[in-house]
N, C-alpha and C. Protein backbone atom coordinates (compact mmCIF):
# COMPACT_ATOMS: atom_id res chain seq x y z
N MET A 1 -23.05 7.80 -0.30
CA MET A 1 -22.40 9.11 -0.32
C MET A 1 -21.40 9.20 -1.46
N ASP A 2 -20.60 8.13 -1.61
CA ASP A 2 -19.59 8.10 -2.66
C ASP A 2 -20.24 8.16 -4.04
N SER A 3 -21.37 7.45 -4.21
CA SER A 3 -22.05 7.44 -5.50
C SER A 3 -22.64 8.82 -5.82
N THR A 4 -23.13 9.51 -4.78
CA THR A 4 -23.68 10.86 -4.98
C THR A 4 -22.59 11.83 -5.39
N TRP A 5 -21.44 11.75 -4.72
CA TRP A 5 -20.31 12.61 -5.04
C TRP A 5 -19.81 12.35 -6.47
N GLN A 6 -19.77 11.08 -6.85
CA GLN A 6 -19.33 10.72 -8.20
C GLN A 6 -20.30 11.29 -9.24
N PHE A 7 -21.58 11.24 -8.95
CA PHE A 7 -22.58 11.77 -9.88
C PHE A 7 -22.42 13.28 -10.04
N LEU A 8 -22.16 13.98 -8.94
CA LEU A 8 -21.96 15.42 -9.01
C LEU A 8 -20.72 15.77 -9.81
N LYS A 9 -19.66 14.96 -9.67
CA LYS A 9 -18.45 15.18 -10.46
C LYS A 9 -18.72 14.93 -11.93
N ASP A 10 -19.54 13.93 -12.22
CA ASP A 10 -19.88 13.62 -13.62
C ASP A 10 -20.65 14.77 -14.26
N LEU A 11 -21.42 15.51 -13.46
CA LEU A 11 -22.23 16.61 -13.99
C LEU A 11 -21.39 17.77 -14.53
N VAL A 12 -20.15 17.88 -14.09
CA VAL A 12 -19.29 18.95 -14.59
C VAL A 12 -18.26 18.42 -15.57
N ASP A 13 -18.33 17.15 -15.90
CA ASP A 13 -17.43 16.54 -16.87
C ASP A 13 -18.23 16.21 -18.12
N PRO A 14 -18.06 16.99 -19.21
CA PRO A 14 -18.89 16.78 -20.41
C PRO A 14 -18.77 15.38 -21.01
N GLU A 15 -17.58 14.80 -20.98
CA GLU A 15 -17.42 13.46 -21.55
C GLU A 15 -18.20 12.43 -20.74
N SER A 16 -18.17 12.56 -19.42
CA SER A 16 -18.91 11.63 -18.56
C SER A 16 -20.41 11.76 -18.78
N ILE A 17 -20.89 13.00 -18.96
CA ILE A 17 -22.31 13.22 -19.20
C ILE A 17 -22.76 12.49 -20.46
N VAL A 18 -22.00 12.66 -21.54
CA VAL A 18 -22.35 12.02 -22.81
C VAL A 18 -22.33 10.50 -22.67
N ARG A 19 -21.34 9.98 -21.97
CA ARG A 19 -21.20 8.53 -21.83
C ARG A 19 -22.30 7.93 -20.96
N LEU A 20 -22.96 8.77 -20.14
CA LEU A 20 -24.06 8.29 -19.30
C LEU A 20 -25.40 8.27 -20.03
N GLY A 21 -25.39 8.74 -21.28
CA GLY A 21 -26.58 8.59 -22.12
C GLY A 21 -27.30 9.88 -22.47
N LEU A 22 -28.19 9.79 -23.46
CA LEU A 22 -28.92 10.93 -23.99
C LEU A 22 -29.82 11.64 -22.96
N PRO A 23 -30.57 10.90 -22.12
CA PRO A 23 -31.45 11.61 -21.16
C PRO A 23 -30.70 12.58 -20.26
N LEU A 24 -29.55 12.15 -19.71
CA LEU A 24 -28.79 13.04 -18.84
C LEU A 24 -28.22 14.20 -19.65
N LEU A 25 -27.76 13.93 -20.86
CA LEU A 25 -27.24 14.97 -21.73
C LEU A 25 -28.28 16.07 -21.94
N LEU A 26 -29.51 15.68 -22.25
CA LEU A 26 -30.57 16.65 -22.51
C LEU A 26 -30.95 17.41 -21.23
N PHE A 27 -30.95 16.71 -20.11
CA PHE A 27 -31.28 17.37 -18.83
C PHE A 27 -30.24 18.44 -18.50
N VAL A 28 -28.97 18.15 -18.70
CA VAL A 28 -27.92 19.11 -18.37
C VAL A 28 -28.02 20.34 -19.27
N ILE A 29 -28.30 20.14 -20.55
CA ILE A 29 -28.48 21.28 -21.46
C ILE A 29 -29.68 22.11 -21.02
N PHE A 30 -30.75 21.46 -20.65
CA PHE A 30 -31.94 22.16 -20.15
C PHE A 30 -31.59 22.98 -18.91
N ALA A 31 -30.91 22.35 -17.96
CA ALA A 31 -30.59 23.01 -16.69
C ALA A 31 -29.61 24.16 -16.89
N GLU A 32 -28.62 23.96 -17.77
CA GLU A 32 -27.60 24.98 -17.98
C GLU A 32 -28.16 26.21 -18.66
N THR A 33 -29.23 26.04 -19.43
CA THR A 33 -29.82 27.17 -20.16
C THR A 33 -31.09 27.70 -19.51
N GLY A 34 -31.57 27.06 -18.45
CA GLY A 34 -32.84 27.50 -17.90
C GLY A 34 -32.96 27.62 -16.41
N LEU A 35 -32.03 27.01 -15.66
CA LEU A 35 -32.12 27.05 -14.20
C LEU A 35 -31.05 27.97 -13.64
N LEU A 36 -31.39 28.74 -12.64
CA LEU A 36 -30.47 29.70 -12.05
C LEU A 36 -29.19 29.04 -11.56
N VAL A 37 -29.31 27.80 -11.11
CA VAL A 37 -28.14 27.09 -10.56
C VAL A 37 -27.33 26.40 -11.65
N GLY A 38 -27.72 26.56 -12.92
CA GLY A 38 -27.08 25.80 -13.98
C GLY A 38 -25.86 26.44 -14.60
N PHE A 39 -25.45 27.63 -14.09
CA PHE A 39 -24.36 28.34 -14.75
C PHE A 39 -23.02 27.59 -14.67
N PHE A 40 -22.86 26.70 -13.66
CA PHE A 40 -21.59 26.01 -13.50
C PHE A 40 -21.49 24.74 -14.36
N LEU A 41 -22.60 24.37 -15.02
CA LEU A 41 -22.60 23.15 -15.84
C LEU A 41 -21.92 23.41 -17.17
N PRO A 42 -21.32 22.37 -17.76
CA PRO A 42 -20.64 22.56 -19.05
C PRO A 42 -21.66 22.81 -20.16
N GLY A 43 -21.37 23.72 -21.05
CA GLY A 43 -22.29 24.04 -22.13
C GLY A 43 -21.69 23.77 -23.49
N ASP A 44 -20.83 24.69 -23.94
CA ASP A 44 -20.22 24.56 -25.27
C ASP A 44 -19.44 23.26 -25.41
N SER A 45 -18.66 22.93 -24.39
CA SER A 45 -17.85 21.72 -24.47
C SER A 45 -18.74 20.48 -24.52
N LEU A 46 -19.86 20.49 -23.81
CA LEU A 46 -20.78 19.36 -23.80
C LEU A 46 -21.41 19.17 -25.19
N VAL A 47 -21.84 20.26 -25.80
CA VAL A 47 -22.46 20.20 -27.13
C VAL A 47 -21.44 19.72 -28.16
N PHE A 48 -20.21 20.24 -28.07
CA PHE A 48 -19.16 19.85 -29.00
C PHE A 48 -18.83 18.36 -28.87
N ILE A 49 -18.63 17.92 -27.63
CA ILE A 49 -18.24 16.53 -27.40
C ILE A 49 -19.37 15.57 -27.76
N SER A 50 -20.62 16.00 -27.59
CA SER A 50 -21.74 15.12 -27.98
C SER A 50 -21.69 14.85 -29.48
N GLY A 51 -21.39 15.88 -30.27
CA GLY A 51 -21.26 15.69 -31.71
C GLY A 51 -20.08 14.82 -32.06
N LEU A 52 -18.97 15.04 -31.35
CA LEU A 52 -17.75 14.26 -31.60
C LEU A 52 -17.96 12.78 -31.30
N ILE A 53 -18.54 12.50 -30.14
CA ILE A 53 -18.76 11.11 -29.74
C ILE A 53 -19.84 10.45 -30.61
N CYS A 54 -20.80 11.25 -31.06
CA CYS A 54 -21.82 10.72 -31.97
C CYS A 54 -21.17 10.18 -33.24
N ALA A 55 -20.06 10.81 -33.66
CA ALA A 55 -19.37 10.39 -34.87
C ALA A 55 -18.40 9.25 -34.64
N THR A 56 -17.82 9.16 -33.44
CA THR A 56 -16.76 8.18 -33.20
C THR A 56 -17.22 6.94 -32.44
N ASN A 57 -18.21 7.10 -31.55
CA ASN A 57 -18.69 5.95 -30.78
C ASN A 57 -20.13 6.22 -30.35
N ASN A 58 -21.07 5.88 -31.21
CA ASN A 58 -22.46 6.25 -30.98
C ASN A 58 -23.21 5.29 -30.05
N ASP A 59 -22.49 4.35 -29.43
CA ASP A 59 -23.15 3.43 -28.50
C ASP A 59 -23.70 4.17 -27.28
N TYR A 60 -23.06 5.29 -26.92
CA TYR A 60 -23.46 6.02 -25.72
C TYR A 60 -24.73 6.83 -25.96
N ILE A 61 -24.80 7.51 -27.10
CA ILE A 61 -25.94 8.38 -27.39
C ILE A 61 -27.08 7.61 -28.03
N GLY A 62 -26.75 6.76 -29.00
CA GLY A 62 -27.75 5.88 -29.60
C GLY A 62 -28.65 6.49 -30.65
N VAL A 63 -28.36 7.74 -31.07
CA VAL A 63 -29.16 8.38 -32.13
C VAL A 63 -28.21 9.03 -33.14
N GLY A 64 -28.72 9.31 -34.33
CA GLY A 64 -27.93 9.98 -35.35
C GLY A 64 -27.76 11.46 -35.06
N ILE A 65 -26.89 12.11 -35.81
CA ILE A 65 -26.56 13.50 -35.54
C ILE A 65 -27.77 14.43 -35.71
N ILE A 66 -28.64 14.17 -36.69
CA ILE A 66 -29.80 15.03 -36.90
C ILE A 66 -30.75 14.96 -35.70
N THR A 67 -31.04 13.73 -35.26
CA THR A 67 -31.89 13.55 -34.08
C THR A 67 -31.25 14.17 -32.85
N LEU A 68 -29.94 14.03 -32.75
CA LEU A 68 -29.22 14.59 -31.61
C LEU A 68 -29.34 16.11 -31.59
N ILE A 69 -29.13 16.74 -32.74
CA ILE A 69 -29.22 18.20 -32.82
C ILE A 69 -30.63 18.69 -32.48
N LEU A 70 -31.63 18.01 -33.04
CA LEU A 70 -33.02 18.40 -32.77
C LEU A 70 -33.37 18.23 -31.29
N SER A 71 -32.90 17.13 -30.70
CA SER A 71 -33.20 16.86 -29.29
C SER A 71 -32.53 17.89 -28.38
N MET A 72 -31.27 18.18 -28.64
CA MET A 72 -30.55 19.16 -27.82
C MET A 72 -31.12 20.56 -28.01
N SER A 73 -31.51 20.89 -29.23
CA SER A 73 -32.12 22.20 -29.49
C SER A 73 -33.43 22.34 -28.72
N ALA A 74 -34.24 21.29 -28.71
CA ALA A 74 -35.50 21.31 -27.98
C ALA A 74 -35.26 21.49 -26.48
N ALA A 75 -34.23 20.82 -25.95
CA ALA A 75 -33.90 20.96 -24.53
C ALA A 75 -33.45 22.38 -24.21
N ALA A 76 -32.67 22.97 -25.12
CA ALA A 76 -32.17 24.33 -24.92
C ALA A 76 -33.32 25.34 -25.00
N ILE A 77 -34.24 25.13 -25.92
CA ILE A 77 -35.40 26.02 -26.05
C ILE A 77 -36.28 25.94 -24.80
N ALA A 78 -36.54 24.72 -24.35
CA ALA A 78 -37.35 24.52 -23.14
C ALA A 78 -36.67 25.13 -21.92
N GLY A 79 -35.35 25.00 -21.86
CA GLY A 79 -34.61 25.58 -20.74
C GLY A 79 -34.74 27.09 -20.69
N ASN A 80 -34.58 27.73 -21.85
CA ASN A 80 -34.70 29.18 -21.89
C ASN A 80 -36.10 29.67 -21.55
N MET A 81 -37.12 28.94 -22.00
CA MET A 81 -38.49 29.32 -21.67
C MET A 81 -38.73 29.22 -20.17
N THR A 82 -38.17 28.18 -19.55
CA THR A 82 -38.28 28.03 -18.10
C THR A 82 -37.62 29.20 -17.38
N GLY A 83 -36.41 29.56 -17.84
CA GLY A 83 -35.70 30.69 -17.25
C GLY A 83 -36.47 32.00 -17.42
N TYR A 84 -37.08 32.17 -18.59
CA TYR A 84 -37.86 33.39 -18.88
C TYR A 84 -39.04 33.53 -17.92
N TRP A 85 -39.80 32.45 -17.75
CA TRP A 85 -40.97 32.52 -16.87
C TRP A 85 -40.56 32.65 -15.40
N PHE A 86 -39.41 32.08 -15.05
CA PHE A 86 -38.89 32.26 -13.69
C PHE A 86 -38.57 33.75 -13.47
N GLY A 87 -37.94 34.37 -14.47
CA GLY A 87 -37.60 35.79 -14.36
C GLY A 87 -38.83 36.67 -14.24
N ARG A 88 -39.88 36.36 -15.00
CA ARG A 88 -41.12 37.14 -14.92
C ARG A 88 -41.76 37.02 -13.54
N LYS A 89 -41.67 35.82 -12.97
CA LYS A 89 -42.29 35.60 -11.67
C LYS A 89 -41.51 36.28 -10.54
N VAL A 90 -40.20 36.18 -10.60
CA VAL A 90 -39.35 36.74 -9.55
C VAL A 90 -39.27 38.26 -9.66
N GLY A 91 -39.13 38.75 -10.90
CA GLY A 91 -39.06 40.19 -11.13
C GLY A 91 -37.82 40.84 -10.52
N ASP A 92 -37.99 42.09 -10.08
CA ASP A 92 -36.86 42.86 -9.55
C ASP A 92 -36.31 42.29 -8.24
N ARG A 93 -37.04 41.38 -7.62
CA ARG A 93 -36.55 40.79 -6.37
C ARG A 93 -35.23 40.07 -6.57
N LEU A 94 -34.94 39.66 -7.81
CA LEU A 94 -33.70 38.96 -8.11
C LEU A 94 -32.49 39.83 -7.80
N TYR A 95 -32.64 41.16 -8.01
CA TYR A 95 -31.52 42.07 -7.76
C TYR A 95 -31.24 42.24 -6.27
N LYS A 96 -32.21 41.90 -5.43
CA LYS A 96 -32.04 42.03 -3.99
C LYS A 96 -31.53 40.74 -3.35
N ARG A 97 -31.41 39.71 -4.17
CA ARG A 97 -30.99 38.41 -3.65
C ARG A 97 -29.52 38.46 -3.24
N LYS A 98 -29.20 37.86 -2.10
CA LYS A 98 -27.82 37.84 -1.62
C LYS A 98 -27.01 36.78 -2.36
N ASP A 99 -25.71 37.04 -2.45
CA ASP A 99 -24.81 36.08 -3.11
C ASP A 99 -24.79 34.76 -2.35
N SER A 100 -24.72 33.68 -3.12
CA SER A 100 -24.61 32.35 -2.55
C SER A 100 -23.74 31.51 -3.49
N PHE A 101 -23.60 30.25 -3.18
CA PHE A 101 -22.78 29.38 -4.04
C PHE A 101 -23.37 29.31 -5.44
N PHE A 102 -24.71 29.31 -5.53
CA PHE A 102 -25.37 29.15 -6.82
C PHE A 102 -25.77 30.47 -7.48
N PHE A 103 -25.62 31.58 -6.76
CA PHE A 103 -26.02 32.87 -7.33
C PHE A 103 -24.98 33.93 -6.99
N LYS A 104 -24.51 34.63 -8.04
CA LYS A 104 -23.59 35.73 -7.86
C LYS A 104 -24.16 36.96 -8.57
N ARG A 105 -24.27 38.06 -7.85
CA ARG A 105 -24.83 39.28 -8.42
C ARG A 105 -24.01 39.74 -9.63
N ARG A 106 -22.70 39.51 -9.61
CA ARG A 106 -21.87 39.97 -10.72
C ARG A 106 -22.24 39.27 -12.03
N HIS A 107 -22.76 38.04 -11.95
CA HIS A 107 -23.19 37.35 -13.17
C HIS A 107 -24.41 38.05 -13.77
N LEU A 108 -25.29 38.50 -12.91
CA LEU A 108 -26.48 39.22 -13.36
C LEU A 108 -26.08 40.57 -13.95
N ASP A 109 -25.11 41.23 -13.31
CA ASP A 109 -24.64 42.53 -13.80
C ASP A 109 -23.98 42.40 -15.18
N ALA A 110 -23.18 41.34 -15.35
CA ALA A 110 -22.52 41.13 -16.63
C ALA A 110 -23.54 40.88 -17.73
N THR A 111 -24.59 40.13 -17.40
CA THR A 111 -25.64 39.86 -18.38
C THR A 111 -26.40 41.13 -18.72
N GLN A 112 -26.69 41.95 -17.72
CA GLN A 112 -27.40 43.20 -17.97
C GLN A 112 -26.58 44.14 -18.85
N ALA A 113 -25.26 44.17 -18.62
CA ALA A 113 -24.39 45.00 -19.44
C ALA A 113 -24.40 44.52 -20.89
N PHE A 114 -24.46 43.22 -21.06
CA PHE A 114 -24.52 42.64 -22.40
C PHE A 114 -25.84 43.02 -23.06
N TYR A 115 -26.93 43.03 -22.29
CA TYR A 115 -28.25 43.42 -22.79
C TYR A 115 -28.24 44.87 -23.25
N GLU A 116 -27.63 45.74 -22.44
CA GLU A 116 -27.60 47.16 -22.76
C GLU A 116 -26.85 47.43 -24.05
N LYS A 117 -25.89 46.58 -24.36
CA LYS A 117 -25.10 46.76 -25.58
C LYS A 117 -25.76 46.13 -26.80
N HIS A 118 -26.36 44.94 -26.63
CA HIS A 118 -26.86 44.17 -27.78
C HIS A 118 -28.38 44.05 -27.84
N GLY A 119 -29.09 44.48 -26.81
CA GLY A 119 -30.54 44.39 -26.83
C GLY A 119 -31.04 42.96 -26.88
N GLY A 120 -32.16 42.74 -27.60
CA GLY A 120 -32.77 41.42 -27.68
C GLY A 120 -31.87 40.37 -28.32
N LYS A 121 -30.87 40.83 -29.09
CA LYS A 121 -29.94 39.88 -29.72
C LYS A 121 -29.12 39.13 -28.69
N THR A 122 -29.17 39.62 -27.44
CA THR A 122 -28.43 38.93 -26.37
C THR A 122 -28.91 37.48 -26.23
N ILE A 123 -30.19 37.23 -26.49
CA ILE A 123 -30.72 35.87 -26.40
C ILE A 123 -30.02 34.96 -27.39
N ILE A 124 -29.70 35.50 -28.58
CA ILE A 124 -29.02 34.71 -29.60
C ILE A 124 -27.52 34.65 -29.33
N LEU A 125 -26.90 35.83 -29.16
CA LEU A 125 -25.46 35.88 -28.95
C LEU A 125 -25.06 35.22 -27.63
N GLY A 126 -25.92 35.37 -26.62
CA GLY A 126 -25.61 34.81 -25.31
C GLY A 126 -25.54 33.30 -25.29
N ARG A 127 -26.14 32.65 -26.28
CA ARG A 127 -26.08 31.19 -26.36
C ARG A 127 -24.63 30.71 -26.41
N PHE A 128 -23.76 31.51 -26.98
CA PHE A 128 -22.37 31.10 -27.19
C PHE A 128 -21.45 31.54 -26.05
N LEU A 129 -22.04 32.09 -24.98
CA LEU A 129 -21.23 32.58 -23.87
C LEU A 129 -21.70 31.99 -22.54
N PRO A 130 -20.79 31.35 -21.80
CA PRO A 130 -21.18 30.80 -20.50
C PRO A 130 -21.62 31.92 -19.56
N ILE A 131 -22.43 31.60 -18.58
CA ILE A 131 -23.01 32.52 -17.61
C ILE A 131 -24.08 33.40 -18.28
N ILE A 132 -23.71 34.12 -19.35
CA ILE A 132 -24.70 34.91 -20.09
C ILE A 132 -25.81 33.98 -20.56
N ARG A 133 -25.42 32.80 -21.01
CA ARG A 133 -26.39 31.82 -21.52
C ARG A 133 -27.42 31.45 -20.46
N THR A 134 -27.00 31.37 -19.22
CA THR A 134 -27.91 31.00 -18.13
C THR A 134 -28.78 32.17 -17.69
N PHE A 135 -28.17 33.36 -17.58
CA PHE A 135 -28.88 34.50 -17.00
C PHE A 135 -29.67 35.32 -18.02
N ALA A 136 -29.33 35.22 -19.31
CA ALA A 136 -30.03 36.02 -20.33
C ALA A 136 -31.54 35.78 -20.35
N PRO A 137 -32.01 34.52 -20.39
CA PRO A 137 -33.47 34.31 -20.41
C PRO A 137 -34.15 34.77 -19.11
N ILE A 138 -33.44 34.60 -18.00
CA ILE A 138 -34.02 35.03 -16.71
C ILE A 138 -34.18 36.55 -16.69
N LEU A 139 -33.14 37.26 -17.13
CA LEU A 139 -33.21 38.71 -17.16
C LEU A 139 -34.25 39.19 -18.17
N ALA A 140 -34.41 38.46 -19.27
CA ALA A 140 -35.45 38.79 -20.26
C ALA A 140 -36.83 38.73 -19.63
N GLY A 141 -37.02 37.77 -18.73
CA GLY A 141 -38.28 37.67 -18.01
C GLY A 141 -38.45 38.79 -17.01
N VAL A 142 -37.35 39.16 -16.35
CA VAL A 142 -37.40 40.24 -15.35
C VAL A 142 -37.82 41.55 -16.00
N ILE A 143 -37.25 41.86 -17.17
CA ILE A 143 -37.56 43.13 -17.84
C ILE A 143 -38.77 42.99 -18.78
N LYS A 144 -39.36 41.79 -18.77
CA LYS A 144 -40.61 41.52 -19.48
C LYS A 144 -40.55 41.79 -20.99
N ILE A 145 -39.54 41.19 -21.64
CA ILE A 145 -39.49 41.23 -23.10
C ILE A 145 -40.71 40.49 -23.64
N ASP A 146 -41.29 40.98 -24.73
CA ASP A 146 -42.46 40.35 -25.33
C ASP A 146 -42.22 38.86 -25.54
N VAL A 147 -43.13 38.02 -25.09
CA VAL A 147 -42.92 36.58 -25.10
C VAL A 147 -42.76 36.03 -26.52
N LYS A 148 -43.49 36.60 -27.49
CA LYS A 148 -43.36 36.12 -28.87
C LYS A 148 -41.98 36.45 -29.45
N LYS A 149 -41.52 37.67 -29.16
CA LYS A 149 -40.20 38.07 -29.62
C LYS A 149 -39.12 37.20 -28.94
N PHE A 150 -39.31 36.97 -27.64
CA PHE A 150 -38.35 36.13 -26.92
C PHE A 150 -38.30 34.73 -27.50
N LEU A 151 -39.46 34.15 -27.80
CA LEU A 151 -39.53 32.80 -28.35
C LEU A 151 -38.79 32.73 -29.68
N LEU A 152 -38.94 33.76 -30.52
CA LEU A 152 -38.25 33.78 -31.81
C LEU A 152 -36.74 33.78 -31.61
N TYR A 153 -36.26 34.71 -30.76
CA TYR A 153 -34.82 34.76 -30.47
C TYR A 153 -34.34 33.46 -29.84
N ASN A 154 -35.17 32.89 -29.00
CA ASN A 154 -34.85 31.66 -28.30
C ASN A 154 -34.61 30.51 -29.29
N VAL A 155 -35.53 30.33 -30.22
CA VAL A 155 -35.42 29.25 -31.20
C VAL A 155 -34.21 29.46 -32.11
N ILE A 156 -34.05 30.68 -32.61
CA ILE A 156 -32.92 30.98 -33.49
C ILE A 156 -31.60 30.72 -32.77
N GLY A 157 -31.49 31.21 -31.53
CA GLY A 157 -30.25 31.04 -30.77
C GLY A 157 -29.95 29.59 -30.46
N ALA A 158 -30.97 28.83 -30.08
CA ALA A 158 -30.77 27.42 -29.74
C ALA A 158 -30.30 26.61 -30.94
N VAL A 159 -30.98 26.79 -32.08
CA VAL A 159 -30.62 26.04 -33.28
C VAL A 159 -29.23 26.43 -33.78
N ALA A 160 -28.92 27.75 -33.73
CA ALA A 160 -27.61 28.21 -34.17
C ALA A 160 -26.50 27.66 -33.28
N TRP A 161 -26.71 27.72 -31.98
CA TRP A 161 -25.71 27.26 -31.02
C TRP A 161 -25.50 25.75 -31.10
N ILE A 162 -26.57 25.01 -30.94
CA ILE A 162 -26.48 23.55 -30.95
C ILE A 162 -26.02 23.06 -32.33
N GLY A 163 -26.64 23.58 -33.38
CA GLY A 163 -26.34 23.11 -34.72
C GLY A 163 -24.90 23.33 -35.13
N SER A 164 -24.38 24.52 -34.85
CA SER A 164 -23.02 24.83 -35.28
C SER A 164 -21.96 24.07 -34.49
N ILE A 165 -22.05 24.12 -33.16
CA ILE A 165 -20.99 23.52 -32.34
C ILE A 165 -21.00 22.00 -32.40
N SER A 166 -22.18 21.39 -32.37
CA SER A 166 -22.23 19.92 -32.45
C SER A 166 -21.83 19.43 -33.84
N SER A 167 -22.15 20.20 -34.87
CA SER A 167 -21.77 19.82 -36.23
C SER A 167 -20.26 19.86 -36.41
N ILE A 168 -19.62 20.86 -35.81
CA ILE A 168 -18.15 20.94 -35.87
C ILE A 168 -17.54 19.72 -35.20
N GLY A 169 -18.08 19.36 -34.02
CA GLY A 169 -17.59 18.17 -33.32
C GLY A 169 -17.80 16.91 -34.14
N TYR A 170 -18.97 16.81 -34.76
CA TYR A 170 -19.29 15.63 -35.57
C TYR A 170 -18.36 15.55 -36.79
N PHE A 171 -18.14 16.67 -37.45
CA PHE A 171 -17.26 16.70 -38.62
C PHE A 171 -15.83 16.28 -38.26
N LEU A 172 -15.33 16.84 -37.17
CA LEU A 172 -13.97 16.47 -36.75
C LEU A 172 -13.88 15.00 -36.37
N GLY A 173 -14.94 14.50 -35.73
CA GLY A 173 -14.96 13.08 -35.35
C GLY A 173 -14.96 12.17 -36.56
N ARG A 174 -15.66 12.56 -37.61
CA ARG A 174 -15.73 11.76 -38.83
C ARG A 174 -14.43 11.83 -39.62
N GLN A 175 -13.89 13.03 -39.73
CA GLN A 175 -12.69 13.23 -40.55
C GLN A 175 -11.40 12.92 -39.80
N TYR A 176 -11.38 13.21 -38.51
CA TYR A 176 -10.17 13.02 -37.71
C TYR A 176 -10.55 12.33 -36.39
N PRO A 177 -10.79 11.02 -36.43
CA PRO A 177 -11.23 10.28 -35.23
C PRO A 177 -10.29 10.44 -34.04
N GLN A 178 -9.02 10.73 -34.31
CA GLN A 178 -8.05 10.86 -33.22
C GLN A 178 -8.30 12.11 -32.37
N THR A 179 -9.20 12.99 -32.84
CA THR A 179 -9.53 14.19 -32.08
C THR A 179 -10.02 13.85 -30.68
N LYS A 180 -10.69 12.69 -30.54
CA LYS A 180 -11.24 12.30 -29.23
C LYS A 180 -10.14 12.07 -28.20
N ASP A 181 -8.90 11.88 -28.64
CA ASP A 181 -7.78 11.67 -27.72
C ASP A 181 -7.33 12.97 -27.06
N TYR A 182 -7.87 14.09 -27.53
CA TYR A 182 -7.45 15.40 -27.01
C TYR A 182 -8.62 16.16 -26.38
N LEU A 183 -9.60 15.41 -25.86
CA LEU A 183 -10.80 16.04 -25.32
C LEU A 183 -10.49 16.99 -24.17
N GLY A 184 -9.54 16.62 -23.34
CA GLY A 184 -9.20 17.47 -22.19
C GLY A 184 -8.73 18.85 -22.63
N TRP A 185 -7.85 18.88 -23.62
CA TRP A 185 -7.34 20.15 -24.14
C TRP A 185 -8.43 20.94 -24.86
N ILE A 186 -9.30 20.22 -25.55
CA ILE A 186 -10.40 20.88 -26.27
C ILE A 186 -11.34 21.57 -25.29
N VAL A 187 -11.66 20.89 -24.20
CA VAL A 187 -12.55 21.47 -23.18
C VAL A 187 -11.93 22.73 -22.59
N ILE A 188 -10.65 22.66 -22.25
CA ILE A 188 -9.95 23.82 -21.68
C ILE A 188 -9.97 24.98 -22.68
N GLY A 189 -9.68 24.68 -23.94
CA GLY A 189 -9.68 25.72 -24.97
C GLY A 189 -11.03 26.38 -25.14
N LEU A 190 -12.10 25.59 -25.15
CA LEU A 190 -13.45 26.14 -25.30
C LEU A 190 -13.82 27.01 -24.10
N ILE A 191 -13.43 26.59 -22.92
CA ILE A 191 -13.73 27.37 -21.71
C ILE A 191 -13.04 28.73 -21.78
N ILE A 192 -11.78 28.74 -22.18
CA ILE A 192 -11.02 29.99 -22.26
C ILE A 192 -11.61 30.92 -23.31
N ILE A 193 -11.87 30.38 -24.50
CA ILE A 193 -12.36 31.19 -25.61
C ILE A 193 -13.72 31.82 -25.31
N THR A 194 -14.61 31.04 -24.71
CA THR A 194 -15.96 31.54 -24.47
C THR A 194 -16.08 32.38 -23.20
N THR A 195 -15.12 32.26 -22.29
CA THR A 195 -15.19 33.02 -21.04
C THR A 195 -14.60 34.42 -21.18
N ILE A 196 -13.63 34.59 -22.04
CA ILE A 196 -12.96 35.88 -22.20
C ILE A 196 -13.94 37.03 -22.48
N PRO A 197 -14.89 36.89 -23.43
CA PRO A 197 -15.83 38.01 -23.68
C PRO A 197 -16.67 38.36 -22.45
N VAL A 198 -17.03 37.36 -21.66
CA VAL A 198 -17.83 37.62 -20.45
C VAL A 198 -17.02 38.42 -19.44
N ILE A 199 -15.77 38.04 -19.25
CA ILE A 199 -14.90 38.74 -18.31
C ILE A 199 -14.67 40.18 -18.75
N LEU A 200 -14.41 40.37 -20.04
CA LEU A 200 -14.17 41.71 -20.57
C LEU A 200 -15.41 42.60 -20.40
N THR A 201 -16.59 42.03 -20.65
CA THR A 201 -17.84 42.78 -20.48
C THR A 201 -18.02 43.21 -19.04
N TYR A 202 -17.74 42.30 -18.12
CA TYR A 202 -17.89 42.61 -16.69
C TYR A 202 -16.90 43.68 -16.25
N ILE A 203 -15.65 43.59 -16.72
CA ILE A 203 -14.63 44.57 -16.35
C ILE A 203 -14.99 45.96 -16.87
N LYS A 204 -15.45 46.03 -18.13
CA LYS A 204 -15.83 47.32 -18.72
C LYS A 204 -16.99 47.95 -17.96
N GLU A 205 -17.98 47.12 -17.60
CA GLU A 205 -19.13 47.63 -16.87
C GLU A 205 -18.72 48.11 -15.48
N LYS A 206 -17.81 47.41 -14.84
CA LYS A 206 -17.36 47.79 -13.51
C LYS A 206 -16.61 49.12 -13.55
N LYS A 207 -15.75 49.28 -14.58
CA LYS A 207 -15.01 50.53 -14.72
C LYS A 207 -15.94 51.69 -15.02
N LYS A 208 -16.98 51.43 -15.83
CA LYS A 208 -17.94 52.47 -16.16
C LYS A 208 -18.66 52.97 -14.91
N LYS A 209 -19.04 52.03 -14.03
CA LYS A 209 -19.73 52.41 -12.81
C LYS A 209 -18.81 53.17 -11.86
N GLU A 210 -17.53 52.79 -11.83
CA GLU A 210 -16.57 53.45 -10.94
C GLU A 210 -16.28 54.88 -11.39
N ASN A 211 -16.38 55.12 -12.71
CA ASN A 211 -16.08 56.45 -13.25
C ASN A 211 -17.24 57.41 -13.15
N LYS A 212 -18.42 56.90 -12.78
CA LYS A 212 -19.60 57.78 -12.68
C LYS A 212 -19.52 58.63 -11.41
């Protein structure tokens, strides 16, 4: 029981995930971008820290930065495709689903509001936003966006997201190795920065509905 609880705690700690090795790192990225229950998993902070640790202590990951970026991008692409096909299969029934620990209707509403504003670009822009990142591919499947168009947005978004954030982490790790001593503050900062747009989108959409 204790080992199971410790594993679950490690799943929400990006540094622990990276230190447990590349397979778990790739699985978490896949789950966070493709499974309905993955919205609570670390995303941006995990990608950033993987690049940072790749530069400062590569014993945990065991591959170079290029291989790491390609591997994480592939996991993110596969995750989004899984979410897309799940959305196509479930369809509008998702809107009738009751709230639970792993599913909140407000997350779906926030993603839909983002779609209404940005259209198909949500697949790309949503990569950089928690919650939107998880629900965007699922909603794309629900509204049946053309699969070829979705795949294009999917690949562009995955490479842009993984490539940019992990490269920043890698650069800081190479130039300023002491950055790893401030991982806790970095994680908090990334969570705040990436969550604010999601909250603002949800609040605006809620006010719009109340004024109708």
